[in-house]
Amino acid sequence: MELKAQPESVRHIGPTAQDFREAFGLGEDERHISTVDGQGIALAAVQELYREVSQKDAEIANLQKQIEGFQQLKDRLAGLETRLAAIESSR
């Protein structure tokens, strides 16, 4: 993206006003992006990412508990197998 008031060698990153208006339906026209709109979109994006990360953290914690439970079952099964082998070898 380049700005008309600057030389072509100066580069920026960001949406064009037309793309911004089409994506979010904000602003007074298709030639300008208000800083408050850009900041608002950025804040909304951060809030959504925070919500998604929090949800994933909860899912991860739940899966970790399940893994711990499976590990306990595996350990118990190994103990039972050992006891069964001892019983069978004593016959």
PDB file of N, CA and C in Angstrom:
ATOM      1  N   MET A   1       0.847  -1.171   0.000  1.00  0.00           N
ATOM      2  CA  MET A   1       0.000   0.000   0.000  1.00  0.00           C
ATOM      3  C   MET A   1       0.892   1.233   0.000  1.00  0.00           C
ATOM      4  N   GLU A   2       0.518   2.221  -0.712  1.00  0.00           N
ATOM      5  CA  GLU A   2       1.266   3.475  -0.704  1.00  0.00           C
ATOM      6  C   GLU A   2       0.297   4.626  -0.507  1.00  0.00           C
ATOM      7  N   LEU A   3       0.798   5.674   0.061  1.00  0.00           N
ATOM      8  CA  LEU A   3      -0.004   6.877   0.266  1.00  0.00           C
ATOM      9  C   LEU A   3       0.386   7.899  -0.789  1.00  0.00           C
ATOM     10  N   LYS A   4      -0.602   8.600  -1.314  1.00  0.00           N
ATOM     11  CA  LYS A   4      -0.345   9.553  -2.395  1.00  0.00           C
ATOM     12  C   LYS A   4       0.567  10.690  -1.968  1.00  0.00           C
ATOM     13  N   ALA A   5       0.554  11.038  -0.690  1.00  0.00           N
ATOM     14  CA  ALA A   5       1.350  12.172  -0.206  1.00  0.00           C
ATOM     15  C   ALA A   5       2.811  11.796   0.027  1.00  0.00           C
ATOM     16  N   GLN A   6       3.158  10.540  -0.150  1.00  0.00           N
ATOM     17  CA  GLN A   6       4.514  10.087   0.104  1.00  0.00           C
ATOM     18  C   GLN A   6       5.107   9.460  -1.165  1.00  0.00           C
ATOM     19  N   PRO A   7       6.422   9.425  -1.251  1.00  0.00           N
ATOM     20  CA  PRO A   7       7.053   8.788  -2.406  1.00  0.00           C
ATOM     21  C   PRO A   7       6.697   7.306  -2.478  1.00  0.00           C
ATOM     22  N   GLU A   8       6.762   6.719  -3.662  1.00  0.00           N
ATOM     23  CA  GLU A   8       6.434   5.309  -3.848  1.00  0.00           C
ATOM     24  C   GLU A   8       7.367   4.387  -3.063  1.00  0.00           C
ATOM     25  N   SER A   9       8.553   4.873  -2.724  1.00  0.00           N
ATOM     26  CA  SER A   9       9.509   4.048  -1.979  1.00  0.00           C
ATOM     27  C   SER A   9       9.089   3.833  -0.520  1.00  0.00           C
ATOM     28  N   VAL A  10       8.197   4.665   0.004  1.00  0.00           N
ATOM     29  CA  VAL A  10       7.714   4.524   1.386  1.00  0.00           C
ATOM     30  C   VAL A  10       6.565   3.530   1.381  1.00  0.00           C
ATOM     31  N   ARG A  11       6.730   2.451   2.177  1.00  0.00           N
ATOM     32  CA  ARG A  11       5.713   1.407   2.191  1.00  0.00           C
ATOM     33  C   ARG A  11       5.000   1.370   3.540  1.00  0.00           C
ATOM     34  N   HIS A  12       3.747   0.978   3.494  1.00  0.00           N
ATOM     35  CA  HIS A  12       2.908   0.827   4.687  1.00  0.00           C
ATOM     36  C   HIS A  12       2.166  -0.500   4.573  1.00  0.00           C
ATOM     37  N   ILE A  13       1.622  -0.940   5.695  1.00  0.00           N
ATOM     38  CA  ILE A  13       0.789  -2.128   5.677  1.00  0.00           C
ATOM     39  C   ILE A  13      -0.559  -1.752   6.261  1.00  0.00           C
ATOM     40  N   GLY A  14      -1.596  -2.232   5.658  1.00  0.00           N
ATOM     41  CA  GLY A  14      -2.930  -1.948   6.151  1.00  0.00           C
ATOM     42  C   GLY A  14      -3.932  -2.016   5.018  1.00  0.00           C
ATOM     43  N   PRO A  15      -5.204  -1.976   5.353  1.00  0.00           N
ATOM     44  CA  PRO A  15      -6.237  -2.062   4.329  1.00  0.00           C
ATOM     45  C   PRO A  15      -6.407  -0.723   3.610  1.00  0.00           C
ATOM     46  N   THR A  16      -6.951  -0.801   2.428  1.00  0.00           N
ATOM     47  CA  THR A  16      -7.364   0.439   1.773  1.00  0.00           C
ATOM     48  C   THR A  16      -8.687   0.847   2.403  1.00  0.00           C
ATOM     49  N   ALA A  17      -9.020   2.107   2.263  1.00  0.00           N
ATOM     50  CA  ALA A  17     -10.286   2.588   2.817  1.00  0.00           C
ATOM     51  C   ALA A  17     -11.464   1.837   2.197  1.00  0.00           C
ATOM     52  N   GLN A  18     -11.355   1.517   0.912  1.00  0.00           N
ATOM     53  CA  GLN A  18     -12.434   0.783   0.243  1.00  0.00           C
ATOM     54  C   GLN A  18     -12.589  -0.617   0.831  1.00  0.00           C
ATOM     55  N   ASP A  19     -11.461  -1.309   1.049  1.00  0.00           N
ATOM     56  CA  ASP A  19     -11.512  -2.650   1.634  1.00  0.00           C
ATOM     57  C   ASP A  19     -12.048  -2.611   3.062  1.00  0.00           C
ATOM     58  N   PHE A  20     -11.621  -1.603   3.815  1.00  0.00           N
ATOM     59  CA  PHE A  20     -12.065  -1.458   5.203  1.00  0.00           C
ATOM     60  C   PHE A  20     -13.573  -1.248   5.258  1.00  0.00           C
ATOM     61  N   ARG A  21     -14.068  -0.374   4.414  1.00  0.00           N
ATOM     62  CA  ARG A  21     -15.511  -0.079   4.381  1.00  0.00           C
ATOM     63  C   ARG A  21     -16.299  -1.321   3.980  1.00  0.00           C
ATOM     64  N   GLU A  22     -15.792  -2.045   2.985  1.00  0.00           N
ATOM     65  CA  GLU A  22     -16.480  -3.249   2.528  1.00  0.00           C
ATOM     66  C   GLU A  22     -16.499  -4.323   3.616  1.00  0.00           C
ATOM     67  N   ALA A  23     -15.387  -4.476   4.323  1.00  0.00           N
ATOM     68  CA  ALA A  23     -15.291  -5.519   5.349  1.00  0.00           C
ATOM     69  C   ALA A  23     -16.105  -5.209   6.595  1.00  0.00           C
ATOM     70  N   PHE A  24     -16.099  -3.944   7.024  1.00  0.00           N
ATOM     71  CA  PHE A  24     -16.700  -3.604   8.315  1.00  0.00           C
ATOM     72  C   PHE A  24     -17.889  -2.659   8.236  1.00  0.00           C
ATOM     73  N   GLY A  25     -18.104  -2.039   7.090  1.00  0.00           N
ATOM     74  CA  GLY A  25     -19.236  -1.119   6.944  1.00  0.00           C
ATOM     75  C   GLY A  25     -19.116   0.115   7.822  1.00  0.00           C
ATOM     76  N   LEU A  26     -17.884   0.528   8.110  1.00  0.00           N
ATOM     77  CA  LEU A  26     -17.659   1.668   8.998  1.00  0.00           C
ATOM     78  C   LEU A  26     -17.072   2.843   8.228  1.00  0.00           C
ATOM     79  N   GLY A  27     -17.224   4.025   8.784  1.00  0.00           N
ATOM     80  CA  GLY A  27     -16.600   5.212   8.220  1.00  0.00           C
ATOM     81  C   GLY A  27     -17.581   6.079   7.455  1.00  0.00           C
ATOM     82  N   GLU A  28     -17.103   7.283   7.184  1.00  0.00           N
ATOM     83  CA  GLU A  28     -17.988   8.231   6.505  1.00  0.00           C
ATOM     84  C   GLU A  28     -18.038   8.016   5.005  1.00  0.00           C
ATOM     85  N   ASP A  29     -16.973   7.406   4.437  1.00  0.00           N
ATOM     86  CA  ASP A  29     -16.961   7.149   3.000  1.00  0.00           C
ATOM     87  C   ASP A  29     -15.893   6.101   2.687  1.00  0.00           C
ATOM     88  N   GLU A  30     -15.691   5.841   1.402  1.00  0.00           N
ATOM     89  CA  GLU A  30     -14.727   4.823   0.976  1.00  0.00           C
ATOM     90  C   GLU A  30     -13.345   5.398   0.708  1.00  0.00           C
ATOM     91  N   ARG A  31     -13.102   6.610   1.196  1.00  0.00           N
ATOM     92  CA  ARG A  31     -11.805   7.247   0.961  1.00  0.00           C
ATOM     93  C   ARG A  31     -11.001   7.452   2.243  1.00  0.00           C
ATOM     94  N   HIS A  32     -11.643   7.219   3.389  1.00  0.00           N
ATOM     95  CA  HIS A  32     -10.983   7.503   4.666  1.00  0.00           C
ATOM     96  C   HIS A  32     -11.245   6.378   5.667  1.00  0.00           C
ATOM     97  N   ILE A  33     -10.254   6.131   6.507  1.00  0.00           N
ATOM     98  CA  ILE A  33     -10.425   5.231   7.652  1.00  0.00           C
ATOM     99  C   ILE A  33     -10.162   6.069   8.893  1.00  0.00           C
ATOM    100  N   SER A  34     -11.174   6.217   9.710  1.00  0.00           N
ATOM    101  CA  SER A  34     -11.027   6.976  10.956  1.00  0.00           C
ATOM    102  C   SER A  34     -10.172   6.165  11.932  1.00  0.00           C
ATOM    103  N   THR A  35      -9.296   6.843  12.645  1.00  0.00           N
ATOM    104  CA  THR A  35      -8.451   6.122  13.604  1.00  0.00           C
ATOM    105  C   THR A  35      -9.290   5.423  14.667  1.00  0.00           C
ATOM    106  N   VAL A  36     -10.402   6.032  15.043  1.00  0.00           N
ATOM    107  CA  VAL A  36     -11.240   5.405  16.063  1.00  0.00           C
ATOM    108  C   VAL A  36     -11.831   4.099  15.531  1.00  0.00           C
ATOM    109  N   ASP A  37     -12.167   4.043  14.243  1.00  0.00           N
ATOM    110  CA  ASP A  37     -12.686   2.798  13.668  1.00  0.00           C
ATOM    111  C   ASP A  37     -11.595   1.723  13.617  1.00  0.00           C
ATOM    112  N   GLY A  38     -10.407   2.102  13.191  1.00  0.00           N
ATOM    113  CA  GLY A  38      -9.301   1.152  13.155  1.00  0.00           C
ATOM    114  C   GLY A  38      -8.981   0.624  14.540  1.00  0.00           C
ATOM    115  N   GLN A  39      -8.977   1.509  15.520  1.00  0.00           N
ATOM    116  CA  GLN A  39      -8.697   1.097  16.896  1.00  0.00           C
ATOM    117  C   GLN A  39      -9.816   0.210  17.429  1.00  0.00           C
ATOM    118  N   GLY A  40     -11.046   0.545  17.085  1.00  0.00           N
ATOM    119  CA  GLY A  40     -12.184  -0.261  17.537  1.00  0.00           C
ATOM    120  C   GLY A  40     -12.143  -1.670  16.970  1.00  0.00           C
ATOM    121  N   ILE A  41     -11.804  -1.773  15.681  1.00  0.00           N
ATOM    122  CA  ILE A  41     -11.688  -3.090  15.052  1.00  0.00           C
ATOM    123  C   ILE A  41     -10.551  -3.873  15.701  1.00  0.00           C
ATOM    124  N   ALA A  42      -9.426  -3.211  15.960  1.00  0.00           N
ATOM    125  CA  ALA A  42      -8.297  -3.876  16.599  1.00  0.00           C
ATOM    126  C   ALA A  42      -8.683  -4.370  18.000  1.00  0.00           C
ATOM    127  N   LEU A  43      -9.389  -3.545  18.773  1.00  0.00           N
ATOM    128  CA  LEU A  43      -9.813  -3.945  20.112  1.00  0.00           C
ATOM    129  C   LEU A  43     -10.782  -5.122  20.049  1.00  0.00           C
ATOM    130  N   ALA A  44     -11.725  -5.084  19.133  1.00  0.00           N
ATOM    131  CA  ALA A  44     -12.674  -6.193  18.984  1.00  0.00           C
ATOM    132  C   ALA A  44     -11.939  -7.477  18.621  1.00  0.00           C
ATOM    133  N   ALA A  45     -10.930  -7.366  17.758  1.00  0.00           N
ATOM    134  CA  ALA A  45     -10.145  -8.540  17.366  1.00  0.00           C
ATOM    135  C   ALA A  45      -9.386  -9.099  18.566  1.00  0.00           C
ATOM    136  N   VAL A  46      -8.791  -8.226  19.368  1.00  0.00           N
ATOM    137  CA  VAL A  46      -8.056  -8.666  20.556  1.00  0.00           C
ATOM    138  C   VAL A  46      -9.012  -9.346  21.537  1.00  0.00           C
ATOM    139  N   GLN A  47     -10.187  -8.773  21.724  1.00  0.00           N
ATOM    140  CA  GLN A  47     -11.158  -9.376  22.642  1.00  0.00           C
ATOM    141  C   GLN A  47     -11.581 -10.760  22.162  1.00  0.00           C
ATOM    142  N   GLU A  48     -11.799 -10.915  20.864  1.00  0.00           N
ATOM    143  CA  GLU A  48     -12.193 -12.213  20.324  1.00  0.00           C
ATOM    144  C   GLU A  48     -11.060 -13.218  20.457  1.00  0.00           C
ATOM    145  N   LEU A  49      -9.841 -12.803  20.181  1.00  0.00           N
ATOM    146  CA  LEU A  49      -8.696 -13.700  20.345  1.00  0.00           C
ATOM    147  C   LEU A  49      -8.533 -14.120  21.801  1.00  0.00           C
ATOM    148  N   TYR A  50      -8.734 -13.190  22.730  1.00  0.00           N
ATOM    149  CA  TYR A  50      -8.652 -13.510  24.155  1.00  0.00           C
ATOM    150  C   TYR A  50      -9.707 -14.550  24.524  1.00  0.00           C
ATOM    151  N   ARG A  51     -10.930 -14.372  24.007  1.00  0.00           N
ATOM    152  CA  ARG A  51     -12.009 -15.320  24.279  1.00  0.00           C
ATOM    153  C   ARG A  51     -11.640 -16.702  23.738  1.00  0.00           C
ATOM    154  N   GLU A  52     -11.123 -16.749  22.525  1.00  0.00           N
ATOM    155  CA  GLU A  52     -10.757 -18.023  21.920  1.00  0.00           C
ATOM    156  C   GLU A  52      -9.610 -18.691  22.681  1.00  0.00           C
ATOM    157  N   VAL A  53      -8.606 -17.928  23.079  1.00  0.00           N
ATOM    158  CA  VAL A  53      -7.483 -18.493  23.830  1.00  0.00           C
ATOM    159  C   VAL A  53      -7.960 -19.012  25.183  1.00  0.00           C
ATOM    160  N   SER A  54      -8.830 -18.271  25.839  1.00  0.00           N
ATOM    161  CA  SER A  54      -9.362 -18.715  27.132  1.00  0.00           C
ATOM    162  C   SER A  54     -10.128 -20.025  26.982  1.00  0.00           C
ATOM    163  N   GLN A  55     -10.906 -20.134  25.915  1.00  0.00           N
ATOM    164  CA  GLN A  55     -11.648 -21.368  25.649  1.00  0.00           C
ATOM    165  C   GLN A  55     -10.684 -22.519  25.381  1.00  0.00           C
ATOM    166  N   LYS A  56      -9.649 -22.279  24.610  1.00  0.00           N
ATOM    167  CA  LYS A  56      -8.661 -23.327  24.324  1.00  0.00           C
ATOM    168  C   LYS A  56      -7.916 -23.725  25.596  1.00  0.00           C
ATOM    169  N   ASP A  57      -7.601 -22.753  26.452  1.00  0.00           N
ATOM    170  CA  ASP A  57      -6.936 -23.063  27.724  1.00  0.00           C
ATOM    171  C   ASP A  57      -7.801 -23.998  28.566  1.00  0.00           C
ATOM    172  N   ALA A  58      -9.113 -23.748  28.598  1.00  0.00           N
ATOM    173  CA  ALA A  58     -10.018 -24.602  29.362  1.00  0.00           C
ATOM    174  C   ALA A  58     -10.072 -26.003  28.757  1.00  0.00           C
ATOM    175  N   GLU A  59     -10.099 -26.079  27.432  1.00  0.00           N
ATOM    176  CA  GLU A  59     -10.108 -27.377  26.762  1.00  0.00           C
ATOM    177  C   GLU A  59      -8.811 -28.142  27.050  1.00  0.00           C
ATOM    178  N   ILE A  60      -7.692 -27.450  27.022  1.00  0.00           N
ATOM    179  CA  ILE A  60      -6.401 -28.079  27.300  1.00  0.00           C
ATOM    180  C   ILE A  60      -6.359 -28.601  28.736  1.00  0.00           C
ATOM    181  N   ALA A  61      -6.843 -27.806  29.679  1.00  0.00           N
ATOM    182  CA  ALA A  61      -6.858 -28.240  31.082  1.00  0.00           C
ATOM    183  C   ALA A  61      -7.721 -29.493  31.238  1.00  0.00           C
ATOM    184  N   ASN A  62      -8.856 -29.530  30.556  1.00  0.00           N
ATOM    185  CA  ASN A  62      -9.731 -30.701  30.617  1.00  0.00           C
ATOM    186  C   ASN A  62      -9.038 -31.927  30.025  1.00  0.00           C
ATOM    187  N   LEU A  63      -8.375 -31.750  28.896  1.00  0.00           N
ATOM    188  CA  LEU A  63      -7.659 -32.869  28.276  1.00  0.00           C
ATOM    189  C   LEU A  63      -6.506 -33.352  29.148  1.00  0.00           C
ATOM    190  N   GLN A  64      -5.827 -32.422  29.818  1.00  0.00           N
ATOM    191  CA  GLN A  64      -4.740 -32.823  30.719  1.00  0.00           C
ATOM    192  C   GLN A  64      -5.270 -33.670  31.869  1.00  0.00           C
ATOM    193  N   LYS A  65      -6.446 -33.306  32.399  1.00  0.00           N
ATOM    194  CA  LYS A  65      -7.053 -34.110  33.466  1.00  0.00           C
ATOM    195  C   LYS A  65      -7.399 -35.505  32.954  1.00  0.00           C
ATOM    196  N   GLN A  66      -7.908 -35.569  31.728  1.00  0.00           N
ATOM    197  CA  GLN A  66      -8.234 -36.876  31.150  1.00  0.00           C
ATOM    198  C   GLN A  66      -6.969 -37.721  30.973  1.00  0.00           C
ATOM    199  N   ILE A  67      -5.901 -37.095  30.524  1.00  0.00           N
ATOM    200  CA  ILE A  67      -4.633 -37.818  30.356  1.00  0.00           C
ATOM    201  C   ILE A  67      -4.151 -38.355  31.691  1.00  0.00           C
ATOM    202  N   GLU A  68      -4.244 -37.536  32.741  1.00  0.00           N
ATOM    203  CA  GLU A  68      -3.840 -37.985  34.069  1.00  0.00           C
ATOM    204  C   GLU A  68      -4.684 -39.181  34.515  1.00  0.00           C
ATOM    205  N   GLY A  69      -5.981 -39.118  34.229  1.00  0.00           N
ATOM    206  CA  GLY A  69      -6.867 -40.237  34.569  1.00  0.00           C
ATOM    207  C   GLY A  69      -6.497 -41.498  33.808  1.00  0.00           C
ATOM    208  N   PHE A  70      -6.190 -41.351  32.531  1.00  0.00           N
ATOM    209  CA  PHE A  70      -5.775 -42.503  31.729  1.00  0.00           C
ATOM    210  C   PHE A  70      -4.454 -43.074  32.228  1.00  0.00           C
ATOM    211  N   GLN A  71      -3.548 -42.199  32.640  1.00  0.00           N
ATOM    212  CA  GLN A  71      -2.263 -42.664  33.163  1.00  0.00           C
ATOM    213  C   GLN A  71      -2.475 -43.458  34.454  1.00  0.00           C
ATOM    214  N   GLN A  72      -3.387 -42.983  35.304  1.00  0.00           N
ATOM    215  CA  GLN A  72      -3.686 -43.717  36.538  1.00  0.00           C
ATOM    216  C   GLN A  72      -4.286 -45.084  36.218  1.00  0.00           C
ATOM    217  N   LEU A  73      -5.179 -45.126  35.224  1.00  0.00           N
ATOM    218  CA  LEU A  73      -5.760 -46.409  34.817  1.00  0.00           C
ATOM    219  C   LEU A  73      -4.694 -47.342  34.250  1.00  0.00           C
ATOM    220  N   LYS A  74      -3.786 -46.783  33.458  1.00  0.00           N
ATOM    221  CA  LYS A  74      -2.697 -47.581  32.886  1.00  0.00           C
ATOM    222  C   LYS A  74      -1.835 -48.159  33.998  1.00  0.00           C
ATOM    223  N   ASP A  75      -1.495 -47.327  34.992  1.00  0.00           N
ATOM    224  CA  ASP A  75      -0.679 -47.792  36.117  1.00  0.00           C
ATOM    225  C   ASP A  75      -1.415 -48.877  36.909  1.00  0.00           C
ATOM    226  N   ARG A  76      -2.710 -48.692  37.108  1.00  0.00           N
ATOM    227  CA  ARG A  76      -3.498 -49.678  37.849  1.00  0.00           C
ATOM    228  C   ARG A  76      -3.562 -50.984  37.072  1.00  0.00           C
ATOM    229  N   LEU A  77      -3.753 -50.880  35.756  1.00  0.00           N
ATOM    230  CA  LEU A  77      -3.798 -52.076  34.918  1.00  0.00           C
ATOM    231  C   LEU A  77      -2.464 -52.815  34.963  1.00  0.00           C
ATOM    232  N   ALA A  78      -1.375 -52.073  34.914  1.00  0.00           N
ATOM    233  CA  ALA A  78      -0.049 -52.701  34.988  1.00  0.00           C
ATOM    234  C   ALA A  78       0.100 -53.445  36.314  1.00  0.00           C
ATOM    235  N   GLY A  79      -0.365 -52.858  37.395  1.00  0.00           N
ATOM    236  CA  GLY A  79      -0.310 -53.511  38.707  1.00  0.00           C
ATOM    237  C   GLY A  79      -1.152 -54.767  38.732  1.00  0.00           C
ATOM    238  N   LEU A  80      -2.335 -54.708  38.139  1.00  0.00           N
ATOM    239  CA  LEU A  80      -3.208 -55.884  38.098  1.00  0.00           C
ATOM    240  C   LEU A  80      -2.597 -56.991  37.235  1.00  0.00           C
ATOM    241  N   GLU A  81      -1.957 -56.602  36.140  1.00  0.00           N
ATOM    242  CA  GLU A  81      -1.298 -57.594  35.290  1.00  0.00           C
ATOM    243  C   GLU A  81      -0.166 -58.292  36.054  1.00  0.00           C
ATOM    244  N   THR A  82       0.562 -57.507  36.823  1.00  0.00           N
ATOM    245  CA  THR A  82       1.646 -58.074  37.626  1.00  0.00           C
ATOM    246  C   THR A  82       1.090 -59.062  38.652  1.00  0.00           C
ATOM    247  N   ARG A  83       0.014 -58.658  39.307  1.00  0.00           N
ATOM    248  CA  ARG A  83      -0.605 -59.546  40.322  1.00  0.00           C
ATOM    249  C   ARG A  83      -1.152 -60.821  39.665  1.00  0.00           C
ATOM    250  N   LEU A  84      -1.774 -60.662  38.482  1.00  0.00           N
ATOM    251  CA  LEU A  84      -2.329 -61.831  37.790  1.00  0.00           C
ATOM    252  C   LEU A  84      -1.198 -62.782  37.378  1.00  0.00           C
ATOM    253  N   ALA A  85      -0.107 -62.219  36.869  1.00  0.00           N
ATOM    254  CA  ALA A  85       1.027 -63.058  36.476  1.00  0.00           C
ATOM    255  C   ALA A  85       1.580 -63.807  37.685  1.00  0.00           C
ATOM    256  N   ALA A  86       1.623 -63.153  38.841  1.00  0.00           N
ATOM    257  CA  ALA A  86       2.125 -63.804  40.053  1.00  0.00           C
ATOM    258  C   ALA A  86       1.190 -64.921  40.485  1.00  0.00           C
ATOM    259  N   ILE A  87      -0.117 -64.692  40.379  1.00  0.00           N
ATOM    260  CA  ILE A  87      -1.093 -65.723  40.751  1.00  0.00           C
ATOM    261  C   ILE A  87      -0.987 -66.920  39.830  1.00  0.00           C
ATOM    262  N   GLU A  88      -0.890 -66.616  38.506  1.00  0.00           N
ATOM    263  CA  GLU A  88      -0.820 -67.707  37.537  1.00  0.00           C
ATOM    264  C   GLU A  88       0.492 -68.512  37.673  1.00  0.00           C
ATOM    265  N   SER A  89       1.568 -67.861  38.009  1.00  0.00           N
ATOM    266  CA  SER A  89       2.847 -68.577  38.141  1.00  0.00           C
ATOM    267  C   SER A  89       2.907 -69.399  39.423  1.00  0.00           C
ATOM    268  N   SER A  90       2.074 -69.086  40.409  1.00  0.00           N
ATOM    269  CA  SER A  90       2.084 -69.829  41.675  1.00  0.00           C
ATOM    270  C   SER A  90       1.227 -71.079  41.599  1.00  0.00           C
ATOM    271  N   ARG A  91       0.510 -71.281  40.551  1.00  0.00           N
ATOM    272  CA  ARG A  91      -0.370 -72.469  40.452  1.00  0.00           C
ATOM    273  C   ARG A  91       0.375 -73.653  40.010  1.00  0.00           C
TER     274      ARG A  91
END
